[in-house]
Full PDB file with SEQRES, HELIX, SHEET, SSBOND, CRYST1, ORIGX, SCALE, CONECT and MASTER records, all heavy atoms in Angstrom:
SEQRES   1 A   39  VAL ARG LEU VAL LEU ASP LEU LEU CYS LYS ARG LEU THR          
SEQRES   2 A   39  LEU SER GLN ALA ALA GLN GLN ALA GLY VAL SER PRO GLN          
SEQRES   3 A   39  ALA VAL ALA ASN TRP ARG ARG GLN PHE ILE THR ALA GLY          
HELIX    1 AA1 ARG A    2  LEU A    8  1                                   7    
HELIX    2 AA2 LEU A   14  ALA A   21  1                                   8    
HELIX    3 AA3 PRO A   25  ALA A   38  1                                  14    
CRYST1    1.000    1.000    1.000  90.00  90.00  90.00 P 1           1          
ORIGX1      1.000000  0.000000  0.000000        0.00000                         
ORIGX2      0.000000  1.000000  0.000000        0.00000                         
ORIGX3      0.000000  0.000000  1.000000        0.00000                         
SCALE1      1.000000  0.000000  0.000000        0.00000                         
SCALE2      0.000000  1.000000  0.000000        0.00000                         
SCALE3      0.000000  0.000000  1.000000        0.00000                         
ATOM      1  N   VAL A   1    -180.223-174.248  13.017  1.00  0.00           N  
ATOM      2  CA  VAL A   1    -179.534-173.407  14.047  1.00  0.00           C  
ATOM      3  C   VAL A   1    -179.436-171.959  13.570  1.00  0.00           C  
ATOM      4  O   VAL A   1    -179.708-171.038  14.372  1.00  0.00           O  
ATOM      5  CB  VAL A   1    -178.144-173.982  14.324  1.00  0.00           C  
ATOM      6  CG1 VAL A   1    -177.272-173.033  15.160  1.00  0.00           C  
ATOM      7  CG2 VAL A   1    -178.223-175.352  15.054  1.00  0.00           C  
ATOM      8  N   ARG A   2    -179.061-171.762  12.329  1.00  0.00           N  
ATOM      9  CA  ARG A   2    -178.928-170.413  11.807  1.00  0.00           C  
ATOM     10  C   ARG A   2    -180.286-169.661  11.916  1.00  0.00           C  
ATOM     11  O   ARG A   2    -180.352-168.529  12.404  1.00  0.00           O  
ATOM     12  CB  ARG A   2    -178.503-170.449  10.348  1.00  0.00           C  
ATOM     13  CG  ARG A   2    -178.224-168.999   9.753  1.00  0.00           C  
ATOM     14  CD  ARG A   2    -178.030-169.051   8.262  1.00  0.00           C  
ATOM     15  NE  ARG A   2    -179.250-169.448   7.534  1.00  0.00           N  
ATOM     16  CZ  ARG A   2    -180.263-168.655   7.258  1.00  0.00           C  
ATOM     17  NH1 ARG A   2    -180.321-167.445   7.739  1.00  0.00           N  
ATOM     18  NH2 ARG A   2    -181.269-169.097   6.537  1.00  0.00           N  
ATOM     19  N   LEU A   3    -181.401-170.333  11.522  1.00  0.00           N  
ATOM     20  CA  LEU A   3    -182.681-169.688  11.573  1.00  0.00           C  
ATOM     21  C   LEU A   3    -183.081-169.437  13.027  1.00  0.00           C  
ATOM     22  O   LEU A   3    -183.642-168.311  13.321  1.00  0.00           O  
ATOM     23  CB  LEU A   3    -183.733-170.573  10.884  1.00  0.00           C  
ATOM     24  CG  LEU A   3    -183.648-170.657   9.401  1.00  0.00           C  
ATOM     25  CD1 LEU A   3    -184.546-171.766   8.840  1.00  0.00           C  
ATOM     26  CD2 LEU A   3    -184.043-169.292   8.767  1.00  0.00           C  
ATOM     27  N   VAL A   4    -182.844-170.355  13.921  1.00  0.00           N  
ATOM     28  CA  VAL A   4    -183.231-170.147  15.322  1.00  0.00           C  
ATOM     29  C   VAL A   4    -182.433-169.028  15.953  1.00  0.00           C  
ATOM     30  O   VAL A   4    -182.973-168.176  16.644  1.00  0.00           O  
ATOM     31  CB  VAL A   4    -183.081-171.461  16.153  1.00  0.00           C  
ATOM     32  CG1 VAL A   4    -183.151-171.215  17.644  1.00  0.00           C  
ATOM     33  CG2 VAL A   4    -184.105-172.482  15.722  1.00  0.00           C  
ATOM     34  N   LEU A   5    -181.135-168.948  15.631  1.00  0.00           N  
ATOM     35  CA  LEU A   5    -180.328-167.875  16.153  1.00  0.00           C  
ATOM     36  C   LEU A   5    -180.764-166.519  15.592  1.00  0.00           C  
ATOM     37  O   LEU A   5    -180.834-165.512  16.357  1.00  0.00           O  
ATOM     38  CB  LEU A   5    -178.844-168.084  15.844  1.00  0.00           C  
ATOM     39  CG  LEU A   5    -178.179-169.227  16.614  1.00  0.00           C  
ATOM     40  CD1 LEU A   5    -176.769-169.467  16.151  1.00  0.00           C  
ATOM     41  CD2 LEU A   5    -178.206-168.972  18.108  1.00  0.00           C  
ATOM     42  N   ASP A   6    -181.090-166.474  14.311  1.00  0.00           N  
ATOM     43  CA  ASP A   6    -181.675-165.242  13.747  1.00  0.00           C  
ATOM     44  C   ASP A   6    -182.953-164.861  14.430  1.00  0.00           C  
ATOM     45  O   ASP A   6    -183.208-163.674  14.653  1.00  0.00           O  
ATOM     46  CB  ASP A   6    -181.879-165.398  12.206  1.00  0.00           C  
ATOM     47  CG  ASP A   6    -180.561-165.308  11.430  1.00  0.00           C  
ATOM     48  OD1 ASP A   6    -179.543-164.885  12.003  1.00  0.00           O  
ATOM     49  OD2 ASP A   6    -180.568-165.672  10.227  1.00  0.00           O  
ATOM     50  N   LEU A   7    -183.760-165.840  14.717  1.00  0.00           N  
ATOM     51  CA  LEU A   7    -185.033-165.637  15.415  1.00  0.00           C  
ATOM     52  C   LEU A   7    -184.807-165.095  16.851  1.00  0.00           C  
ATOM     53  O   LEU A   7    -185.400-164.091  17.286  1.00  0.00           O  
ATOM     54  CB  LEU A   7    -185.836-166.954  15.464  1.00  0.00           C  
ATOM     55  CG  LEU A   7    -187.195-166.905  16.101  1.00  0.00           C  
ATOM     56  CD1 LEU A   7    -188.138-165.967  15.316  1.00  0.00           C  
ATOM     57  CD2 LEU A   7    -187.785-168.306  16.139  1.00  0.00           C  
ATOM     58  N   LEU A   8    -183.852-165.707  17.560  1.00  0.00           N  
ATOM     59  CA  LEU A   8    -183.577-165.316  18.946  1.00  0.00           C  
ATOM     60  C   LEU A   8    -182.932-163.908  19.005  1.00  0.00           C  
ATOM     61  O   LEU A   8    -183.141-163.183  19.950  1.00  0.00           O  
ATOM     62  CB  LEU A   8    -182.683-166.351  19.622  1.00  0.00           C  
ATOM     63  CG  LEU A   8    -183.313-167.728  19.886  1.00  0.00           C  
ATOM     64  CD1 LEU A   8    -182.299-168.689  20.431  1.00  0.00           C  
ATOM     65  CD2 LEU A   8    -184.504-167.569  20.853  1.00  0.00           C  
ATOM     66  N   CYS A   9    -182.148-163.594  17.960  1.00  0.00           N  
ATOM     67  CA  CYS A   9    -181.510-162.264  17.918  1.00  0.00           C  
ATOM     68  C   CYS A   9    -182.448-161.219  17.278  1.00  0.00           C  
ATOM     69  O   CYS A   9    -182.029-160.065  17.111  1.00  0.00           O  
ATOM     70  CB  CYS A   9    -180.242-162.332  17.108  1.00  0.00           C  
ATOM     71  SG  CYS A   9    -178.970-163.311  17.902  1.00  0.00           S  
ATOM     72  N   LYS A  10    -183.670-161.610  16.999  1.00  0.00           N  
ATOM     73  CA  LYS A  10    -184.691-160.737  16.447  1.00  0.00           C  
ATOM     74  C   LYS A  10    -184.354-160.169  15.105  1.00  0.00           C  
ATOM     75  O   LYS A  10    -184.778-159.101  14.702  1.00  0.00           O  
ATOM     76  CB  LYS A  10    -185.036-159.637  17.439  1.00  0.00           C  
ATOM     77  CG  LYS A  10    -185.518-160.170  18.788  1.00  0.00           C  
ATOM     78  CD  LYS A  10    -186.255-159.127  19.545  1.00  0.00           C  
ATOM     79  CE  LYS A  10    -186.591-159.626  20.917  1.00  0.00           C  
ATOM     80  NZ  LYS A  10    -187.614-160.671  21.002  1.00  0.00           N  
ATOM     81  N   ARG A  11    -183.501-160.919  14.333  1.00  0.00           N  
ATOM     82  CA  ARG A  11    -183.242-160.558  12.921  1.00  0.00           C  
ATOM     83  C   ARG A  11    -184.339-161.045  12.032  1.00  0.00           C  
ATOM     84  O   ARG A  11    -184.489-160.557  10.898  1.00  0.00           O  
ATOM     85  CB  ARG A  11    -181.884-161.095  12.478  1.00  0.00           C  
ATOM     86  CG  ARG A  11    -180.695-160.415  13.179  1.00  0.00           C  
ATOM     87  CD  ARG A  11    -179.388-160.904  12.551  1.00  0.00           C  
ATOM     88  NE  ARG A  11    -179.047-162.235  12.976  1.00  0.00           N  
ATOM     89  CZ  ARG A  11    -178.059-162.526  13.822  1.00  0.00           C  
ATOM     90  NH1 ARG A  11    -177.319-161.560  14.330  1.00  0.00           N  
ATOM     91  NH2 ARG A  11    -177.783-163.776  14.193  1.00  0.00           N  
ATOM     92  N   LEU A  12    -185.082-162.043  12.469  1.00  0.00           N  
ATOM     93  CA  LEU A  12    -186.238-162.576  11.754  1.00  0.00           C  
ATOM     94  C   LEU A  12    -187.415-162.780  12.698  1.00  0.00           C  
ATOM     95  O   LEU A  12    -187.237-163.037  13.893  1.00  0.00           O  
ATOM     96  CB  LEU A  12    -185.885-163.946  11.169  1.00  0.00           C  
ATOM     97  CG  LEU A  12    -184.865-164.107  10.043  1.00  0.00           C  
ATOM     98  CD1 LEU A  12    -184.642-165.577   9.737  1.00  0.00           C  
ATOM     99  CD2 LEU A  12    -185.360-163.377   8.801  1.00  0.00           C  
ATOM    100  N   THR A  13    -188.598-162.711  12.142  1.00  0.00           N  
ATOM    101  CA  THR A  13    -189.799-163.095  12.900  1.00  0.00           C  
ATOM    102  C   THR A  13    -190.039-164.569  12.701  1.00  0.00           C  
ATOM    103  O   THR A  13    -189.397-165.230  11.813  1.00  0.00           O  
ATOM    104  CB  THR A  13    -191.037-162.315  12.410  1.00  0.00           C  
ATOM    105  OG1 THR A  13    -191.309-162.714  11.077  1.00  0.00           O  
ATOM    106  CG2 THR A  13    -190.817-160.797  12.518  1.00  0.00           C  
ATOM    107  N   LEU A  14    -190.930-165.080  13.497  1.00  0.00           N  
ATOM    108  CA  LEU A  14    -191.260-166.540  13.367  1.00  0.00           C  
ATOM    109  C   LEU A  14    -191.777-166.825  11.957  1.00  0.00           C  
ATOM    110  O   LEU A  14    -191.372-167.835  11.372  1.00  0.00           O  
ATOM    111  CB  LEU A  14    -192.280-166.893  14.435  1.00  0.00           C  
ATOM    112  CG  LEU A  14    -192.578-168.350  14.658  1.00  0.00           C  
ATOM    113  CD1 LEU A  14    -191.322-169.076  15.149  1.00  0.00           C  
ATOM    114  CD2 LEU A  14    -193.694-168.490  15.692  1.00  0.00           C  
ATOM    115  N   SER A  15    -192.617-165.961  11.442  1.00  0.00           N  
ATOM    116  CA  SER A  15    -193.142-166.129  10.115  1.00  0.00           C  
ATOM    117  C   SER A  15    -192.086-166.057   9.001  1.00  0.00           C  
ATOM    118  O   SER A  15    -192.094-166.842   8.059  1.00  0.00           O  
ATOM    119  CB  SER A  15    -194.256-165.132   9.812  1.00  0.00           C  
ATOM    120  OG  SER A  15    -195.331-165.291  10.730  1.00  0.00           O  
ATOM    121  N   GLN A  16    -191.186-165.120   9.169  1.00  0.00           N  
ATOM    122  CA  GLN A  16    -190.105-164.968   8.162  1.00  0.00           C  
ATOM    123  C   GLN A  16    -189.179-166.201   8.182  1.00  0.00           C  
ATOM    124  O   GLN A  16    -188.805-166.708   7.131  1.00  0.00           O  
ATOM    125  CB  GLN A  16    -189.284-163.719   8.445  1.00  0.00           C  
ATOM    126  CG  GLN A  16    -190.041-162.448   8.204  1.00  0.00           C  
ATOM    127  CD  GLN A  16    -189.252-161.200   8.720  1.00  0.00           C  
ATOM    128  OE1 GLN A  16    -188.523-161.325   9.708  1.00  0.00           O  
ATOM    129  NE2 GLN A  16    -189.429-160.077   8.071  1.00  0.00           N  
ATOM    130  N   ALA A  17    -188.820-166.678   9.385  1.00  0.00           N  
ATOM    131  CA  ALA A  17    -187.976-167.878   9.480  1.00  0.00           C  
ATOM    132  C   ALA A  17    -188.703-169.102   8.824  1.00  0.00           C  
ATOM    133  O   ALA A  17    -188.075-169.866   8.092  1.00  0.00           O  
ATOM    134  CB  ALA A  17    -187.626-168.185  10.911  1.00  0.00           C  
ATOM    135  N   ALA A  18    -189.965-169.228   9.096  1.00  0.00           N  
ATOM    136  CA  ALA A  18    -190.715-170.347   8.558  1.00  0.00           C  
ATOM    137  C   ALA A  18    -190.802-170.238   6.988  1.00  0.00           C  
ATOM    138  O   ALA A  18    -190.650-171.231   6.318  1.00  0.00           O  
ATOM    139  CB  ALA A  18    -192.142-170.339   9.137  1.00  0.00           C  
ATOM    140  N   GLN A  19    -190.999-169.011   6.521  1.00  0.00           N  
ATOM    141  CA  GLN A  19    -191.068-168.800   5.099  1.00  0.00           C  
ATOM    142  C   GLN A  19    -189.745-169.156   4.423  1.00  0.00           C  
ATOM    143  O   GLN A  19    -189.693-169.844   3.390  1.00  0.00           O  
ATOM    144  CB  GLN A  19    -191.485-167.386   4.786  1.00  0.00           C  
ATOM    145  CG  GLN A  19    -191.761-167.160   3.304  1.00  0.00           C  
ATOM    146  CD  GLN A  19    -192.240-165.747   3.095  1.00  0.00           C  
ATOM    147  OE1 GLN A  19    -192.116-164.847   3.911  1.00  0.00           O  
ATOM    148  NE2 GLN A  19    -192.841-165.515   1.914  1.00  0.00           N  
ATOM    149  N   GLN A  20    -188.638-168.707   5.026  1.00  0.00           N  
ATOM    150  CA  GLN A  20    -187.317-169.027   4.481  1.00  0.00           C  
ATOM    151  C   GLN A  20    -187.042-170.525   4.409  1.00  0.00           C  
ATOM    152  O   GLN A  20    -186.444-171.018   3.448  1.00  0.00           O  
ATOM    153  CB  GLN A  20    -186.217-168.362   5.308  1.00  0.00           C  
ATOM    154  CG  GLN A  20    -186.020-166.870   4.986  1.00  0.00           C  
ATOM    155  CD  GLN A  20    -184.767-166.339   5.669  1.00  0.00           C  
ATOM    156  OE1 GLN A  20    -183.921-167.044   6.134  1.00  0.00           O  
ATOM    157  NE2 GLN A  20    -184.773-165.002   5.814  1.00  0.00           N  
ATOM    158  N   ALA A  21    -187.485-171.233   5.435  1.00  0.00           N  
ATOM    159  CA  ALA A  21    -187.228-172.671   5.492  1.00  0.00           C  
ATOM    160  C   ALA A  21    -188.283-173.467   4.693  1.00  0.00           C  
ATOM    161  O   ALA A  21    -188.027-174.641   4.414  1.00  0.00           O  
ATOM    162  CB  ALA A  21    -187.242-173.146   6.953  1.00  0.00           C  
ATOM    163  N   GLY A  22    -189.378-172.856   4.395  1.00  0.00           N  
ATOM    164  CA  GLY A  22    -190.436-173.571   3.705  1.00  0.00           C  
ATOM    165  C   GLY A  22    -191.209-174.500   4.569  1.00  0.00           C  
ATOM    166  O   GLY A  22    -191.653-175.567   4.167  1.00  0.00           O  
ATOM    167  N   VAL A  23    -191.321-174.142   5.881  1.00  0.00           N  
ATOM    168  CA  VAL A  23    -192.023-174.922   6.884  1.00  0.00           C  
ATOM    169  C   VAL A  23    -193.033-174.034   7.557  1.00  0.00           C  
ATOM    170  O   VAL A  23    -193.084-172.829   7.353  1.00  0.00           O  
ATOM    171  CB  VAL A  23    -191.051-175.559   7.881  1.00  0.00           C  
ATOM    172  CG1 VAL A  23    -190.082-176.507   7.188  1.00  0.00           C  
ATOM    173  CG2 VAL A  23    -190.310-174.510   8.676  1.00  0.00           C  
ATOM    174  N   SER A  24    -193.797-174.664   8.438  1.00  0.00           N  
ATOM    175  CA  SER A  24    -194.825-173.907   9.191  1.00  0.00           C  
ATOM    176  C   SER A  24    -194.176-173.144  10.350  1.00  0.00           C  
ATOM    177  O   SER A  24    -193.087-173.527  10.832  1.00  0.00           O  
ATOM    178  CB  SER A  24    -195.877-174.868   9.768  1.00  0.00           C  
ATOM    179  OG  SER A  24    -195.272-175.647  10.771  1.00  0.00           O  
ATOM    180  N   PRO A  25    -194.817-172.032  10.762  1.00  0.00           N  
ATOM    181  CA  PRO A  25    -194.291-171.343  11.945  1.00  0.00           C  
ATOM    182  C   PRO A  25    -194.183-172.270  13.165  1.00  0.00           C  
ATOM    183  O   PRO A  25    -193.294-172.099  14.004  1.00  0.00           O  
ATOM    184  CB  PRO A  25    -195.264-170.205  12.164  1.00  0.00           C  
ATOM    185  CG  PRO A  25    -195.853-169.950  10.815  1.00  0.00           C  
ATOM    186  CD  PRO A  25    -195.883-171.317  10.166  1.00  0.00           C  
ATOM    187  N   GLN A  26    -195.084-173.210  13.301  1.00  0.00           N  
ATOM    188  CA  GLN A  26    -195.070-174.159  14.410  1.00  0.00           C  
ATOM    189  C   GLN A  26    -193.772-174.983  14.409  1.00  0.00           C  
ATOM    190  O   GLN A  26    -193.227-175.269  15.423  1.00  0.00           O  
ATOM    191  CB  GLN A  26    -196.305-175.054  14.388  1.00  0.00           C  
ATOM    192  CG  GLN A  26    -196.363-176.038  15.575  1.00  0.00           C  
ATOM    193  CD  GLN A  26    -196.422-175.327  16.944  1.00  0.00           C  
ATOM    194  OE1 GLN A  26    -197.155-174.425  17.099  1.00  0.00           O  
ATOM    195  NE2 GLN A  26    -195.537-175.765  17.866  1.00  0.00           N  
ATOM    196  N   ALA A  27    -193.335-175.389  13.201  1.00  0.00           N  
ATOM    197  CA  ALA A  27    -192.096-176.160  13.070  1.00  0.00           C  
ATOM    198  C   ALA A  27    -190.941-175.315  13.580  1.00  0.00           C  
ATOM    199  O   ALA A  27    -190.081-175.802  14.379  1.00  0.00           O  
ATOM    200  CB  ALA A  27    -191.853-176.618  11.670  1.00  0.00           C  
ATOM    201  N   VAL A  28    -190.892-174.039  13.217  1.00  0.00           N  
ATOM    202  CA  VAL A  28    -189.744-173.187  13.685  1.00  0.00           C  
ATOM    203  C   VAL A  28    -189.845-172.969  15.161  1.00  0.00           C  
ATOM    204  O   VAL A  28    -188.842-172.961  15.914  1.00  0.00           O  
ATOM    205  CB  VAL A  28    -189.745-171.836  12.923  1.00  0.00           C  
ATOM    206  CG1 VAL A  28    -188.667-170.911  13.460  1.00  0.00           C  
ATOM    207  CG2 VAL A  28    -189.590-172.121  11.426  1.00  0.00           C  
ATOM    208  N   ALA A  29    -191.069-172.812  15.703  1.00  0.00           N  
ATOM    209  CA  ALA A  29    -191.216-172.686  17.144  1.00  0.00           C  
ATOM    210  C   ALA A  29    -190.752-173.927  17.893  1.00  0.00           C  
ATOM    211  O   ALA A  29    -190.130-173.849  18.921  1.00  0.00           O  
ATOM    212  CB  ALA A  29    -192.692-172.408  17.503  1.00  0.00           C  
ATOM    213  N   ASN A  30    -191.000-175.101  17.288  1.00  0.00           N  
ATOM    214  CA  ASN A  30    -190.491-176.355  17.873  1.00  0.00           C  
ATOM    215  C   ASN A  30    -188.988-176.377  17.848  1.00  0.00           C  
ATOM    216  O   ASN A  30    -188.316-176.790  18.851  1.00  0.00           O  
ATOM    217  CB  ASN A  30    -191.003-177.583  17.116  1.00  0.00           C  
ATOM    218  CG  ASN A  30    -192.534-177.818  17.385  1.00  0.00           C  
ATOM    219  OD1 ASN A  30    -193.035-177.355  18.373  1.00  0.00           O  
ATOM    220  ND2 ASN A  30    -193.156-178.522  16.472  1.00  0.00           N  
ATOM    221  N   TRP A  31    -188.363-175.951  16.736  1.00  0.00           N  
ATOM    222  CA  TRP A  31    -186.913-175.880  16.676  1.00  0.00           C  
ATOM    223  C   TRP A  31    -186.322-174.986  17.739  1.00  0.00           C  
ATOM    224  O   TRP A  31    -185.320-175.266  18.367  1.00  0.00           O  
ATOM    225  CB  TRP A  31    -186.415-175.357  15.287  1.00  0.00           C  
ATOM    226  CG  TRP A  31    -186.832-176.197  14.145  1.00  0.00           C  
ATOM    227  CD1 TRP A  31    -187.302-177.504  14.149  1.00  0.00           C  
ATOM    228  CD2 TRP A  31    -186.795-175.819  12.760  1.00  0.00           C  
ATOM    229  NE1 TRP A  31    -187.542-177.950  12.875  1.00  0.00           N  
ATOM    230  CE2 TRP A  31    -187.269-176.925  12.000  1.00  0.00           C  
ATOM    231  CE3 TRP A  31    -186.431-174.660  12.108  1.00  0.00           C  
ATOM    232  CZ2 TRP A  31    -187.347-176.892  10.621  1.00  0.00           C  
ATOM    233  CZ3 TRP A  31    -186.520-174.605  10.745  1.00  0.00           C  
ATOM    234  CH2 TRP A  31    -186.958-175.691  10.016  1.00  0.00           C  
ATOM    235  N   ARG A  32    -187.007-173.778  17.939  1.00  0.00           N  
ATOM    236  CA  ARG A  32    -186.527-172.877  18.922  1.00  0.00           C  
ATOM    237  C   ARG A  32    -186.561-173.514  20.334  1.00  0.00           C  
ATOM    238  O   ARG A  32    -185.615-173.438  21.115  1.00  0.00           O  
ATOM    239  CB  ARG A  32    -187.411-171.570  18.916  1.00  0.00           C  
ATOM    240  CG  ARG A  32    -187.042-170.589  19.971  1.00  0.00           C  
ATOM    241  CD  ARG A  32    -187.883-169.339  19.903  1.00  0.00           C  
ATOM    242  NE  ARG A  32    -189.281-169.649  19.993  1.00  0.00           N  
ATOM    243  CZ  ARG A  32    -190.300-168.833  19.660  1.00  0.00           C  
ATOM    244  NH1 ARG A  32    -190.003-167.597  19.229  1.00  0.00           N  
ATOM    245  NH2 ARG A  32    -191.520-169.223  19.736  1.00  0.00           N  
ATOM    246  N   ARG A  33    -187.685-174.184  20.637  1.00  0.00           N  
ATOM    247  CA  ARG A  33    -187.808-174.862  21.934  1.00  0.00           C  
ATOM    248  C   ARG A  33    -186.726-175.949  22.066  1.00  0.00           C  
ATOM    249  O   ARG A  33    -186.104-176.031  23.148  1.00  0.00           O  
ATOM    250  CB  ARG A  33    -189.203-175.488  22.059  1.00  0.00           C  
ATOM    251  CG  ARG A  33    -189.468-176.243  23.321  1.00  0.00           C  
ATOM    252  CD  ARG A  33    -190.831-176.930  23.363  1.00  0.00           C  
ATOM    253  NE  ARG A  33    -191.193-177.599  22.117  1.00  0.00           N  
ATOM    254  CZ  ARG A  33    -190.715-178.811  21.742  1.00  0.00           C  
ATOM    255  NH1 ARG A  33    -189.878-179.426  22.477  1.00  0.00           N  
ATOM    256  NH2 ARG A  33    -191.137-179.329  20.618  1.00  0.00           N  
ATOM    257  N   GLN A  34    -186.535-176.766  21.040  1.00  0.00           N  
ATOM    258  CA  GLN A  34    -185.503-177.809  21.098  1.00  0.00           C  
ATOM    259  C   GLN A  34    -184.100-177.221  21.268  1.00  0.00           C  
ATOM    260  O   GLN A  34    -183.313-177.756  22.016  1.00  0.00           O  
ATOM    261  CB  GLN A  34    -185.567-178.651  19.818  1.00  0.00           C  
ATOM    262  CG  GLN A  34    -186.824-179.461  19.716  1.00  0.00           C  
ATOM    263  CD  GLN A  34    -187.028-180.037  18.284  1.00  0.00           C  
ATOM    264  OE1 GLN A  34    -186.416-179.578  17.293  1.00  0.00           O  
ATOM    265  NE2 GLN A  34    -187.919-181.002  18.176  1.00  0.00           N  
ATOM    266  N   PHE A  35    -183.854-176.092  20.589  1.00  0.00           N  
ATOM    267  CA  PHE A  35    -182.532-175.476  20.699  1.00  0.00           C  
ATOM    268  C   PHE A  35    -182.321-174.910  22.090  1.00  0.00           C  
ATOM    269  O   PHE A  35    -181.262-175.077  22.679  1.00  0.00           O  
ATOM    270  CB  PHE A  35    -182.397-174.323  19.648  1.00  0.00           C  
ATOM    271  CG  PHE A  35    -181.068-173.647  19.674  1.00  0.00           C  
ATOM    272  CD1 PHE A  35    -179.966-174.246  19.051  1.00  0.00           C  
ATOM    273  CD2 PHE A  35    -180.883-172.472  20.340  1.00  0.00           C  
ATOM    274  CE1 PHE A  35    -178.740-173.630  19.060  1.00  0.00           C  
ATOM    275  CE2 PHE A  35    -179.672-171.838  20.336  1.00  0.00           C  
ATOM    276  CZ  PHE A  35    -178.568-172.413  19.735  1.00  0.00           C  
ATOM    277  N   ILE A  36    -183.345-174.299  22.648  1.00  0.00           N  
ATOM    278  CA  ILE A  36    -183.216-173.689  23.998  1.00  0.00           C  
ATOM    279  C   ILE A  36    -183.040-174.853  25.025  1.00  0.00           C  
ATOM    280  O   ILE A  36    -182.245-174.670  25.959  1.00  0.00           O  
ATOM    281  CB  ILE A  36    -184.417-172.839  24.325  1.00  0.00           C  
ATOM    282  CG1 ILE A  36    -184.379-171.545  23.466  1.00  0.00           C  
ATOM    283  CG2 ILE A  36    -184.513-172.519  25.801  1.00  0.00           C  
ATOM    284  CD1 ILE A  36    -185.618-170.681  23.521  1.00  0.00           C  
ATOM    285  N   THR A  37    -183.708-175.960  24.802  1.00  0.00           N  
ATOM    286  CA  THR A  37    -183.587-177.098  25.756  1.00  0.00           C  
ATOM    287  C   THR A  37    -182.268-177.813  25.629  1.00  0.00           C  
ATOM    288  O   THR A  37    -181.687-178.178  26.649  1.00  0.00           O  
ATOM    289  CB  THR A  37    -184.810-178.069  25.495  1.00  0.00           C  
ATOM    290  OG1 THR A  37    -185.979-177.388  25.651  1.00  0.00           O  
ATOM    291  CG2 THR A  37    -184.736-179.218  26.460  1.00  0.00           C  
ATOM    292  N   ALA A  38    -181.807-178.105  24.415  1.00  0.00           N  
ATOM    293  CA  ALA A  38    -180.687-178.982  24.219  1.00  0.00           C  
ATOM    294  C   ALA A  38    -179.588-178.401  23.329  1.00  0.00           C  
ATOM    295  O   ALA A  38    -178.657-179.143  22.993  1.00  0.00           O  
ATOM    296  CB  ALA A  38    -181.160-180.300  23.696  1.00  0.00           C  
ATOM    297  N   GLY A  39    -179.640-177.160  22.992  1.00  0.00           N  
ATOM    298  CA  GLY A  39    -178.628-176.560  22.173  1.00  0.00           C  
ATOM    299  C   GLY A  39    -178.611-177.187  20.764  1.00  0.00           C  
ATOM    300  O   GLY A  39    -179.605-177.669  20.282  1.00  0.00           O  
TER     301      GLY A  39                                                      
MASTER        0    0    0    3    0    0    0    6  300    1    0    3          
END                                                                             
């Protein structure tokens, strides 16, 4: 949630969020989609 909110508020790019979490940018994009869909 923290990473997705930072992403949505443009404090992080997709690549930066993925790097911080140690996952792929696709994983973070999926989290963003899931968050937007279901909070």
